[in-house]
Amino acid sequence: MRPGLRRGGPGSPPFSAMPTREDAWNLLCEYTQNENLRKHALAVEACVRAYARKFGADEELWGLAALLHDFDYERWPNDAHHPTAEHPYEGSKILRERGYPEEIIYAILSHADYTDVPRRAQLDRVLFACDELAGFLTACALVKPSKSILEVEVPSVKKKLKDKAFARGVNRQDVLRGAEELGLPLEEHIQTCIEAMRAISPQLGL
Protein backbone atom coordinates (compact mmCIF):
# COMPACT_ATOMS: atom_id res chain seq x y z
CA MET A 1 0.00 0.00 0.00
CA ARG A 2 1.31 3.45 -0.84
CA PRO A 3 2.46 5.51 2.17
CA GLY A 4 -0.16 7.89 3.53
CA LEU A 5 -3.06 5.96 1.97
CA ARG A 6 -5.50 3.48 3.45
CA ARG A 7 -7.96 0.96 2.06
CA GLY A 8 -11.54 2.11 1.83
CA GLY A 9 -14.54 0.19 3.14
CA PRO A 10 -17.00 -1.92 1.12
CA GLY A 11 -18.29 -0.01 -1.89
CA SER A 12 -15.73 2.76 -1.51
CA PRO A 13 -12.75 3.45 -3.81
CA PRO A 14 -9.79 1.11 -3.22
CA PHE A 15 -7.72 3.91 -1.65
CA SER A 16 -8.54 7.13 0.16
CA ALA A 17 -6.17 9.83 1.33
CA MET A 18 -5.07 10.29 4.91
CA PRO A 19 -6.81 13.25 6.58
CA THR A 20 -5.00 16.53 6.11
CA ARG A 21 -3.69 18.93 8.72
CA GLU A 22 -6.70 21.16 7.99
CA ASP A 23 -8.96 18.20 8.74
CA ALA A 24 -7.12 17.65 12.01
CA TRP A 25 -7.28 21.32 12.99
CA ASN A 26 -11.01 21.42 12.28
CA LEU A 27 -11.51 18.30 14.39
CA LEU A 28 -9.51 19.82 17.24
CA CYS A 29 -11.57 23.01 17.12
CA GLU A 30 -14.83 21.04 16.94
CA TYR A 31 -14.10 19.35 20.27
CA THR A 32 -11.89 21.96 21.95
CA GLN A 33 -13.17 25.48 22.63
CA ASN A 34 -10.51 26.44 25.18
CA GLU A 35 -7.89 28.64 23.49
CA ASN A 36 -5.12 27.51 25.84
CA LEU A 37 -5.76 23.85 25.01
CA ARG A 38 -5.60 24.68 21.30
CA LYS A 39 -2.31 26.50 21.83
CA HIS A 40 -0.99 23.52 23.78
CA ALA A 41 -1.82 21.30 20.81
CA LEU A 42 0.09 23.67 18.52
CA ALA A 43 3.09 23.72 20.86
CA VAL A 44 3.25 19.94 21.05
CA GLU A 45 2.82 19.72 17.29
CA ALA A 46 5.78 22.05 16.74
CA CYS A 47 7.98 20.01 19.07
CA VAL A 48 7.00 16.67 17.56
CA ARG A 49 7.50 17.97 14.01
CA ALA A 50 10.98 19.12 15.02
CA TYR A 51 11.78 15.57 16.11
CA ALA A 52 10.31 14.14 12.91
CA ARG A 53 12.78 16.26 10.95
CA LYS A 54 15.57 15.30 13.34
CA PHE A 55 14.86 11.57 12.96
CA GLY A 56 13.92 11.63 9.27
CA ALA A 57 10.35 10.50 10.00
CA ASP A 58 7.02 11.37 8.35
CA GLU A 59 6.55 14.93 9.59
CA GLU A 60 2.93 15.21 8.45
CA LEU A 61 1.85 12.00 10.15
CA TRP A 62 3.72 12.83 13.35
CA GLY A 63 2.28 16.34 13.27
CA LEU A 64 -1.29 15.05 13.08
CA ALA A 65 -0.73 12.79 16.09
CA ALA A 66 0.61 15.72 18.10
CA LEU A 67 -2.09 18.16 17.04
CA LEU A 68 -4.82 15.69 18.04
CA HIS A 69 -3.29 14.09 21.12
CA ASP A 70 -5.66 15.95 23.49
CA PHE A 71 -8.50 16.89 21.13
CA ASP A 72 -11.05 14.98 23.25
CA TYR A 73 -9.71 16.15 26.62
CA GLU A 74 -12.08 19.08 27.11
CA ARG A 75 -15.15 16.92 26.55
CA TRP A 76 -13.88 13.81 28.37
CA PRO A 77 -11.17 14.94 30.85
CA ASN A 78 -10.95 11.52 32.56
CA ASP A 79 -10.10 12.70 36.07
CA ALA A 80 -10.45 9.08 37.21
CA HIS A 81 -7.79 7.95 34.70
CA HIS A 82 -9.96 5.10 33.45
CA PRO A 83 -8.05 3.14 30.78
CA THR A 84 -11.03 2.46 28.49
CA ALA A 85 -13.27 5.49 29.00
CA GLU A 86 -13.04 9.21 28.31
CA HIS A 87 -9.71 10.77 27.18
CA PRO A 88 -7.93 9.45 25.15
CA TYR A 89 -10.08 6.35 24.61
CA GLU A 90 -13.17 8.20 23.34
CA GLY A 91 -10.99 10.21 20.99
CA SER A 92 -9.43 7.06 19.58
CA LYS A 93 -12.85 5.84 18.46
CA ILE A 94 -13.58 9.14 16.71
CA LEU A 95 -10.19 9.13 14.99
CA ARG A 96 -10.76 5.58 13.77
CA GLU A 97 -14.18 6.51 12.40
CA ARG A 98 -12.66 9.47 10.56
CA GLY A 99 -9.96 7.43 8.87
CA TYR A 100 -6.83 8.32 10.84
CA PRO A 101 -4.02 5.74 10.63
CA GLU A 102 -3.64 3.27 13.47
CA GLU A 103 -0.08 4.55 13.98
CA ILE A 104 -1.50 7.92 15.05
CA ILE A 105 -4.23 6.40 17.20
CA TYR A 106 -1.79 4.08 18.96
CA ALA A 107 0.63 6.92 19.72
CA ILE A 108 -2.18 9.02 21.21
CA LEU A 109 -3.36 6.14 23.38
CA SER A 110 0.20 5.46 24.57
CA HIS A 111 0.88 9.06 25.63
CA ALA A 112 -1.28 8.54 28.73
CA ASP A 113 0.33 6.00 31.05
CA TYR A 114 -3.00 5.01 32.60
CA THR A 115 -4.20 3.45 29.33
CA ASP A 116 -1.56 0.71 29.81
CA VAL A 117 -0.69 0.99 26.10
CA PRO A 118 3.11 0.55 25.91
CA ARG A 119 5.15 3.02 23.91
CA ARG A 120 6.81 1.02 21.14
CA ALA A 121 7.48 3.25 18.15
CA GLN A 122 9.62 6.36 18.03
CA LEU A 123 6.49 8.48 17.49
CA ASP A 124 4.99 7.11 20.73
CA ARG A 125 8.07 8.11 22.71
CA VAL A 126 8.38 11.52 21.08
CA LEU A 127 4.74 12.44 21.68
CA PHE A 128 5.01 11.48 25.35
CA ALA A 129 8.28 13.36 25.75
CA CYS A 130 7.00 16.57 24.16
CA ASP A 131 3.56 16.72 25.76
CA GLU A 132 4.44 17.55 29.36
CA LEU A 133 7.55 19.55 28.47
CA ALA A 134 5.65 21.83 26.06
CA GLY A 135 3.25 22.68 28.86
CA PHE A 136 6.10 23.39 31.23
CA LEU A 137 7.90 25.61 28.71
CA THR A 138 4.69 27.60 28.27
CA ALA A 139 4.57 28.15 32.03
CA CYS A 140 8.23 29.22 31.99
CA ALA A 141 7.52 31.74 29.24
CA LEU A 142 4.50 33.24 30.98
CA VAL A 143 6.50 34.25 34.06
CA LYS A 144 9.01 36.18 31.96
CA PRO A 145 8.53 39.98 31.88
CA SER A 146 7.78 39.75 28.15
CA LYS A 147 5.74 36.53 28.54
CA SER A 148 7.73 35.22 25.60
CA ILE A 149 9.28 31.86 24.77
CA LEU A 150 12.07 33.86 23.13
CA GLU A 151 13.43 34.62 26.61
CA VAL A 152 13.29 31.05 27.91
CA GLU A 153 16.68 29.32 28.19
CA VAL A 154 17.66 25.77 29.16
CA PRO A 155 19.37 26.59 32.52
CA SER A 156 16.32 28.48 33.83
CA VAL A 157 14.02 25.64 32.73
CA LYS A 158 16.12 23.09 34.61
CA LYS A 159 16.10 25.32 37.67
CA LYS A 160 12.33 25.67 37.59
CA LEU A 161 11.91 21.90 37.20
CA LYS A 162 13.46 21.59 40.66
CA ASP A 163 11.07 24.19 42.11
CA LYS A 164 8.07 22.10 43.14
CA ALA A 165 6.00 25.20 43.84
CA PHE A 166 6.23 26.29 40.20
CA ALA A 167 3.69 24.91 37.69
CA ARG A 168 2.52 22.26 40.15
CA GLY A 169 0.33 20.61 37.53
CA VAL A 170 3.33 19.49 35.49
CA ASN A 171 4.58 15.99 36.25
CA ARG A 172 8.35 16.37 36.61
CA GLN A 173 8.90 12.63 36.39
CA ASP A 174 7.18 12.56 33.00
CA VAL A 175 9.47 15.32 31.74
CA LEU A 176 12.56 13.44 32.90
CA ARG A 177 11.29 10.07 31.71
CA GLY A 178 10.43 11.53 28.31
CA ALA A 179 14.05 12.49 27.68
CA GLU A 180 15.22 9.12 29.01
CA GLU A 181 12.89 7.20 26.69
CA LEU A 182 14.28 9.17 23.76
CA GLY A 183 17.81 8.38 24.90
CA LEU A 184 18.68 12.08 24.93
CA PRO A 185 20.22 14.36 27.56
CA LEU A 186 17.52 16.45 29.23
CA GLU A 187 19.27 19.65 28.13
CA GLU A 188 19.15 18.63 24.45
CA HIS A 189 15.47 17.71 24.68
CA ILE A 190 14.59 21.03 26.32
CA GLN A 191 16.59 22.98 23.72
CA THR A 192 14.88 21.16 20.82
CA CYS A 193 11.45 21.99 22.19
CA ILE A 194 12.32 25.62 23.00
CA GLU A 195 13.55 26.17 19.43
CA ALA A 196 10.46 24.48 17.98
CA MET A 197 8.11 26.65 20.04
CA ARG A 198 10.06 29.81 19.24
CA ALA A 199 9.48 29.13 15.55
CA ILE A 200 5.70 29.47 16.05
CA SER A 201 5.71 31.95 18.94
CA PRO A 202 3.12 34.27 17.31
CA GLN A 203 0.59 31.41 17.06
CA LEU A 204 1.26 30.46 20.66
CA GLY A 205 0.91 34.03 21.89
CA LEU A 206 4.38 33.63 23.40
C-alpha atoms as a PDB file:
ATOM      1  CA  MET A   1       0.000   0.000   0.000  1.00  0.00           C
ATOM      2  CA  ARG A   2       1.310   3.453  -0.844  1.00  0.00           C
ATOM      3  CA  PRO A   3       2.456   5.512   2.173  1.00  0.00           C
ATOM      4  CA  GLY A   4      -0.164   7.894   3.526  1.00  0.00           C
ATOM      5  CA  LEU A   5      -3.061   5.956   1.972  1.00  0.00           C
ATOM      6  CA  ARG A   6      -5.496   3.480   3.452  1.00  0.00           C
ATOM      7  CA  ARG A   7      -7.957   0.957   2.060  1.00  0.00           C
ATOM      8  CA  GLY A   8     -11.540   2.109   1.833  1.00  0.00           C
ATOM      9  CA  GLY A   9     -14.535   0.192   3.138  1.00  0.00           C
ATOM     10  CA  PRO A  10     -17.004  -1.918   1.116  1.00  0.00           C
ATOM     11  CA  GLY A  11     -18.293  -0.005  -1.890  1.00  0.00           C
ATOM     12  CA  SER A  12     -15.727   2.762  -1.513  1.00  0.00           C
ATOM     13  CA  PRO A  13     -12.755   3.452  -3.809  1.00  0.00           C
ATOM     14  CA  PRO A  14      -9.790   1.113  -3.217  1.00  0.00           C
ATOM     15  CA  PHE A  15      -7.721   3.905  -1.650  1.00  0.00           C
ATOM     16  CA  SER A  16      -8.536   7.135   0.163  1.00  0.00           C
ATOM     17  CA  ALA A  17      -6.166   9.833   1.326  1.00  0.00           C
ATOM     18  CA  MET A  18      -5.068  10.292   4.911  1.00  0.00           C
ATOM     19  CA  PRO A  19      -6.813  13.248   6.583  1.00  0.00           C
ATOM     20  CA  THR A  20      -4.995  16.534   6.109  1.00  0.00           C
ATOM     21  CA  ARG A  21      -3.694  18.934   8.722  1.00  0.00           C
ATOM     22  CA  GLU A  22      -6.695  21.161   7.989  1.00  0.00           C
ATOM     23  CA  ASP A  23      -8.962  18.199   8.739  1.00  0.00           C
ATOM     24  CA  ALA A  24      -7.117  17.654  12.013  1.00  0.00           C
ATOM     25  CA  TRP A  25      -7.278  21.322  12.994  1.00  0.00           C
ATOM     26  CA  ASN A  26     -11.013  21.418  12.283  1.00  0.00           C
ATOM     27  CA  LEU A  27     -11.509  18.296  14.389  1.00  0.00           C
ATOM     28  CA  LEU A  28      -9.510  19.817  17.243  1.00  0.00           C
ATOM     29  CA  CYS A  29     -11.567  23.014  17.117  1.00  0.00           C
ATOM     30  CA  GLU A  30     -14.825  21.036  16.938  1.00  0.00           C
ATOM     31  CA  TYR A  31     -14.098  19.350  20.267  1.00  0.00           C
ATOM     32  CA  THR A  32     -11.886  21.963  21.953  1.00  0.00           C
ATOM     33  CA  GLN A  33     -13.173  25.476  22.626  1.00  0.00           C
ATOM     34  CA  ASN A  34     -10.505  26.445  25.181  1.00  0.00           C
ATOM     35  CA  GLU A  35      -7.894  28.640  23.490  1.00  0.00           C
ATOM     36  CA  ASN A  36      -5.116  27.514  25.838  1.00  0.00           C
ATOM     37  CA  LEU A  37      -5.755  23.853  25.007  1.00  0.00           C
ATOM     38  CA  ARG A  38      -5.602  24.681  21.304  1.00  0.00           C
ATOM     39  CA  LYS A  39      -2.315  26.500  21.829  1.00  0.00           C
ATOM     40  CA  HIS A  40      -0.987  23.525  23.783  1.00  0.00           C
ATOM     41  CA  ALA A  41      -1.824  21.301  20.814  1.00  0.00           C
ATOM     42  CA  LEU A  42       0.091  23.675  18.523  1.00  0.00           C
ATOM     43  CA  ALA A  43       3.088  23.719  20.865  1.00  0.00           C
ATOM     44  CA  VAL A  44       3.252  19.937  21.050  1.00  0.00           C
ATOM     45  CA  GLU A  45       2.816  19.719  17.287  1.00  0.00           C
ATOM     46  CA  ALA A  46       5.782  22.053  16.741  1.00  0.00           C
ATOM     47  CA  CYS A  47       7.981  20.010  19.070  1.00  0.00           C
ATOM     48  CA  VAL A  48       6.995  16.668  17.556  1.00  0.00           C
ATOM     49  CA  ARG A  49       7.496  17.975  14.009  1.00  0.00           C
ATOM     50  CA  ALA A  50      10.981  19.119  15.020  1.00  0.00           C
ATOM     51  CA  TYR A  51      11.776  15.568  16.114  1.00  0.00           C
ATOM     52  CA  ALA A  52      10.308  14.141  12.914  1.00  0.00           C
ATOM     53  CA  ARG A  53      12.779  16.256  10.947  1.00  0.00           C
ATOM     54  CA  LYS A  54      15.569  15.296  13.342  1.00  0.00           C
ATOM     55  CA  PHE A  55      14.857  11.575  12.958  1.00  0.00           C
ATOM     56  CA  GLY A  56      13.920  11.633   9.266  1.00  0.00           C
ATOM     57  CA  ALA A  57      10.353  10.503   9.996  1.00  0.00           C
ATOM     58  CA  ASP A  58       7.025  11.366   8.350  1.00  0.00           C
ATOM     59  CA  GLU A  59       6.551  14.926   9.593  1.00  0.00           C
ATOM     60  CA  GLU A  60       2.934  15.215   8.452  1.00  0.00           C
ATOM     61  CA  LEU A  61       1.846  11.996  10.145  1.00  0.00           C
ATOM     62  CA  TRP A  62       3.719  12.830  13.354  1.00  0.00           C
ATOM     63  CA  GLY A  63       2.283  16.342  13.267  1.00  0.00           C
ATOM     64  CA  LEU A  64      -1.287  15.053  13.085  1.00  0.00           C
ATOM     65  CA  ALA A  65      -0.726  12.789  16.094  1.00  0.00           C
ATOM     66  CA  ALA A  66       0.607  15.718  18.099  1.00  0.00           C
ATOM     67  CA  LEU A  67      -2.092  18.161  17.039  1.00  0.00           C
ATOM     68  CA  LEU A  68      -4.823  15.694  18.038  1.00  0.00           C
ATOM     69  CA  HIS A  69      -3.290  14.093  21.121  1.00  0.00           C
ATOM     70  CA  ASP A  70      -5.659  15.952  23.490  1.00  0.00           C
ATOM     71  CA  PHE A  71      -8.499  16.889  21.133  1.00  0.00           C
ATOM     72  CA  ASP A  72     -11.052  14.984  23.252  1.00  0.00           C
ATOM     73  CA  TYR A  73      -9.705  16.145  26.622  1.00  0.00           C
ATOM     74  CA  GLU A  74     -12.077  19.085  27.115  1.00  0.00           C
ATOM     75  CA  ARG A  75     -15.148  16.917  26.546  1.00  0.00           C
ATOM     76  CA  TRP A  76     -13.885  13.814  28.374  1.00  0.00           C
ATOM     77  CA  PRO A  77     -11.169  14.939  30.852  1.00  0.00           C
ATOM     78  CA  ASN A  78     -10.954  11.517  32.557  1.00  0.00           C
ATOM     79  CA  ASP A  79     -10.097  12.696  36.068  1.00  0.00           C
ATOM     80  CA  ALA A  80     -10.446   9.078  37.213  1.00  0.00           C
ATOM     81  CA  HIS A  81      -7.792   7.950  34.700  1.00  0.00           C
ATOM     82  CA  HIS A  82      -9.957   5.096  33.450  1.00  0.00           C
ATOM     83  CA  PRO A  83      -8.048   3.140  30.776  1.00  0.00           C
ATOM     84  CA  THR A  84     -11.035   2.460  28.491  1.00  0.00           C
ATOM     85  CA  ALA A  85     -13.265   5.488  29.001  1.00  0.00           C
ATOM     86  CA  GLU A  86     -13.041   9.210  28.314  1.00  0.00           C
ATOM     87  CA  HIS A  87      -9.710  10.771  27.181  1.00  0.00           C
ATOM     88  CA  PRO A  88      -7.927   9.446  25.146  1.00  0.00           C
ATOM     89  CA  TYR A  89     -10.080   6.349  24.613  1.00  0.00           C
ATOM     90  CA  GLU A  90     -13.167   8.204  23.344  1.00  0.00           C
ATOM     91  CA  GLY A  91     -10.992  10.213  20.994  1.00  0.00           C
ATOM     92  CA  SER A  92      -9.431   7.063  19.583  1.00  0.00           C
ATOM     93  CA  LYS A  93     -12.851   5.838  18.463  1.00  0.00           C
ATOM     94  CA  ILE A  94     -13.584   9.138  16.715  1.00  0.00           C
ATOM     95  CA  LEU A  95     -10.194   9.126  14.994  1.00  0.00           C
ATOM     96  CA  ARG A  96     -10.757   5.583  13.769  1.00  0.00           C
ATOM     97  CA  GLU A  97     -14.181   6.507  12.397  1.00  0.00           C
ATOM     98  CA  ARG A  98     -12.662   9.469  10.563  1.00  0.00           C
ATOM     99  CA  GLY A  99      -9.964   7.428   8.869  1.00  0.00           C
ATOM    100  CA  TYR A 100      -6.831   8.315  10.835  1.00  0.00           C
ATOM    101  CA  PRO A 101      -4.018   5.741  10.631  1.00  0.00           C
ATOM    102  CA  GLU A 102      -3.638   3.273  13.468  1.00  0.00           C
ATOM    103  CA  GLU A 103      -0.076   4.549  13.976  1.00  0.00           C
ATOM    104  CA  ILE A 104      -1.499   7.917  15.049  1.00  0.00           C
ATOM    105  CA  ILE A 105      -4.233   6.404  17.201  1.00  0.00           C
ATOM    106  CA  TYR A 106      -1.794   4.079  18.963  1.00  0.00           C
ATOM    107  CA  ALA A 107       0.632   6.918  19.721  1.00  0.00           C
ATOM    108  CA  ILE A 108      -2.176   9.018  21.208  1.00  0.00           C
ATOM    109  CA  LEU A 109      -3.358   6.137  23.383  1.00  0.00           C
ATOM    110  CA  SER A 110       0.204   5.461  24.568  1.00  0.00           C
ATOM    111  CA  HIS A 111       0.880   9.063  25.627  1.00  0.00           C
ATOM    112  CA  ALA A 112      -1.275   8.538  28.727  1.00  0.00           C
ATOM    113  CA  ASP A 113       0.329   5.997  31.047  1.00  0.00           C
ATOM    114  CA  TYR A 114      -3.002   5.009  32.604  1.00  0.00           C
ATOM    115  CA  THR A 115      -4.201   3.450  29.325  1.00  0.00           C
ATOM    116  CA  ASP A 116      -1.565   0.711  29.807  1.00  0.00           C
ATOM    117  CA  VAL A 117      -0.688   0.985  26.097  1.00  0.00           C
ATOM    118  CA  PRO A 118       3.110   0.552  25.911  1.00  0.00           C
ATOM    119  CA  ARG A 119       5.152   3.019  23.909  1.00  0.00           C
ATOM    120  CA  ARG A 120       6.811   1.017  21.142  1.00  0.00           C
ATOM    121  CA  ALA A 121       7.479   3.250  18.146  1.00  0.00           C
ATOM    122  CA  GLN A 122       9.620   6.364  18.031  1.00  0.00           C
ATOM    123  CA  LEU A 123       6.491   8.475  17.489  1.00  0.00           C
ATOM    124  CA  ASP A 124       4.994   7.109  20.732  1.00  0.00           C
ATOM    125  CA  ARG A 125       8.069   8.111  22.709  1.00  0.00           C
ATOM    126  CA  VAL A 126       8.383  11.520  21.077  1.00  0.00           C
ATOM    127  CA  LEU A 127       4.738  12.439  21.684  1.00  0.00           C
ATOM    128  CA  PHE A 128       5.005  11.475  25.349  1.00  0.00           C
ATOM    129  CA  ALA A 129       8.282  13.362  25.754  1.00  0.00           C
ATOM    130  CA  CYS A 130       7.003  16.566  24.160  1.00  0.00           C
ATOM    131  CA  ASP A 131       3.563  16.721  25.760  1.00  0.00           C
ATOM    132  CA  GLU A 132       4.442  17.555  29.356  1.00  0.00           C
ATOM    133  CA  LEU A 133       7.549  19.552  28.469  1.00  0.00           C
ATOM    134  CA  ALA A 134       5.652  21.827  26.057  1.00  0.00           C
ATOM    135  CA  GLY A 135       3.246  22.679  28.863  1.00  0.00           C
ATOM    136  CA  PHE A 136       6.104  23.394  31.228  1.00  0.00           C
ATOM    137  CA  LEU A 137       7.895  25.613  28.707  1.00  0.00           C
ATOM    138  CA  THR A 138       4.688  27.604  28.265  1.00  0.00           C
ATOM    139  CA  ALA A 139       4.567  28.153  32.027  1.00  0.00           C
ATOM    140  CA  CYS A 140       8.226  29.218  31.994  1.00  0.00           C
ATOM    141  CA  ALA A 141       7.517  31.740  29.243  1.00  0.00           C
ATOM    142  CA  LEU A 142       4.497  33.243  30.976  1.00  0.00           C
ATOM    143  CA  VAL A 143       6.499  34.254  34.062  1.00  0.00           C
ATOM    144  CA  LYS A 144       9.012  36.182  31.962  1.00  0.00           C
ATOM    145  CA  PRO A 145       8.525  39.983  31.875  1.00  0.00           C
ATOM    146  CA  SER A 146       7.776  39.749  28.151  1.00  0.00           C
ATOM    147  CA  LYS A 147       5.741  36.531  28.544  1.00  0.00           C
ATOM    148  CA  SER A 148       7.732  35.218  25.597  1.00  0.00           C
ATOM    149  CA  ILE A 149       9.276  31.857  24.768  1.00  0.00           C
ATOM    150  CA  LEU A 150      12.074  33.857  23.132  1.00  0.00           C
ATOM    151  CA  GLU A 151      13.430  34.617  26.611  1.00  0.00           C
ATOM    152  CA  VAL A 152      13.294  31.046  27.909  1.00  0.00           C
ATOM    153  CA  GLU A 153      16.678  29.316  28.192  1.00  0.00           C
ATOM    154  CA  VAL A 154      17.665  25.770  29.158  1.00  0.00           C
ATOM    155  CA  PRO A 155      19.367  26.592  32.522  1.00  0.00           C
ATOM    156  CA  SER A 156      16.316  28.475  33.826  1.00  0.00           C
ATOM    157  CA  VAL A 157      14.019  25.644  32.730  1.00  0.00           C
ATOM    158  CA  LYS A 158      16.120  23.087  34.610  1.00  0.00           C
ATOM    159  CA  LYS A 159      16.103  25.322  37.674  1.00  0.00           C
ATOM    160  CA  LYS A 160      12.327  25.672  37.594  1.00  0.00           C
ATOM    161  CA  LEU A 161      11.914  21.903  37.198  1.00  0.00           C
ATOM    162  CA  LYS A 162      13.459  21.593  40.663  1.00  0.00           C
ATOM    163  CA  ASP A 163      11.065  24.194  42.107  1.00  0.00           C
ATOM    164  CA  LYS A 164       8.075  22.104  43.141  1.00  0.00           C
ATOM    165  CA  ALA A 165       5.996  25.199  43.841  1.00  0.00           C
ATOM    166  CA  PHE A 166       6.228  26.288  40.197  1.00  0.00           C
ATOM    167  CA  ALA A 167       3.689  24.906  37.690  1.00  0.00           C
ATOM    168  CA  ARG A 168       2.516  22.264  40.147  1.00  0.00           C
ATOM    169  CA  GLY A 169       0.325  20.606  37.531  1.00  0.00           C
ATOM    170  CA  VAL A 170       3.329  19.492  35.486  1.00  0.00           C
ATOM    171  CA  ASN A 171       4.577  15.992  36.252  1.00  0.00           C
ATOM    172  CA  ARG A 172       8.347  16.368  36.610  1.00  0.00           C
ATOM    173  CA  GLN A 173       8.903  12.633  36.388  1.00  0.00           C
ATOM    174  CA  ASP A 174       7.177  12.555  32.995  1.00  0.00           C
ATOM    175  CA  VAL A 175       9.475  15.320  31.745  1.00  0.00           C
ATOM    176  CA  LEU A 176      12.561  13.437  32.902  1.00  0.00           C
ATOM    177  CA  ARG A 177      11.289  10.070  31.710  1.00  0.00           C
ATOM    178  CA  GLY A 178      10.429  11.531  28.309  1.00  0.00           C
ATOM    179  CA  ALA A 179      14.047  12.493  27.678  1.00  0.00           C
ATOM    180  CA  GLU A 180      15.218   9.122  29.010  1.00  0.00           C
ATOM    181  CA  GLU A 181      12.890   7.204  26.693  1.00  0.00           C
ATOM    182  CA  LEU A 182      14.283   9.174  23.756  1.00  0.00           C
ATOM    183  CA  GLY A 183      17.810   8.383  24.898  1.00  0.00           C
ATOM    184  CA  LEU A 184      18.680  12.076  24.929  1.00  0.00           C
ATOM    185  CA  PRO A 185      20.215  14.359  27.559  1.00  0.00           C
ATOM    186  CA  LEU A 186      17.518  16.449  29.227  1.00  0.00           C
ATOM    187  CA  GLU A 187      19.269  19.650  28.127  1.00  0.00           C
ATOM    188  CA  GLU A 188      19.149  18.634  24.454  1.00  0.00           C
ATOM    189  CA  HIS A 189      15.474  17.707  24.681  1.00  0.00           C
ATOM    190  CA  ILE A 190      14.592  21.030  26.319  1.00  0.00           C
ATOM    191  CA  GLN A 191      16.587  22.978  23.716  1.00  0.00           C
ATOM    192  CA  THR A 192      14.883  21.162  20.820  1.00  0.00           C
ATOM    193  CA  CYS A 193      11.449  21.994  22.186  1.00  0.00           C
ATOM    194  CA  ILE A 194      12.324  25.616  23.004  1.00  0.00           C
ATOM    195  CA  GLU A 195      13.548  26.174  19.434  1.00  0.00           C
ATOM    196  CA  ALA A 196      10.455  24.483  17.983  1.00  0.00           C
ATOM    197  CA  MET A 197       8.109  26.651  20.044  1.00  0.00           C
ATOM    198  CA  ARG A 198      10.060  29.810  19.239  1.00  0.00           C
ATOM    199  CA  ALA A 199       9.484  29.134  15.550  1.00  0.00           C
ATOM    200  CA  ILE A 200       5.701  29.473  16.053  1.00  0.00           C
ATOM    201  CA  SER A 201       5.709  31.948  18.940  1.00  0.00           C
ATOM    202  CA  PRO A 202       3.122  34.270  17.313  1.00  0.00           C
ATOM    203  CA  GLN A 203       0.588  31.406  17.055  1.00  0.00           C
ATOM    204  CA  LEU A 204       1.260  30.458  20.662  1.00  0.00           C
ATOM    205  CA  GLY A 205       0.914  34.033  21.887  1.00  0.00           C
ATOM    206  CA  LEU A 206       4.380  33.633  23.402  1.00  0.00           C
END
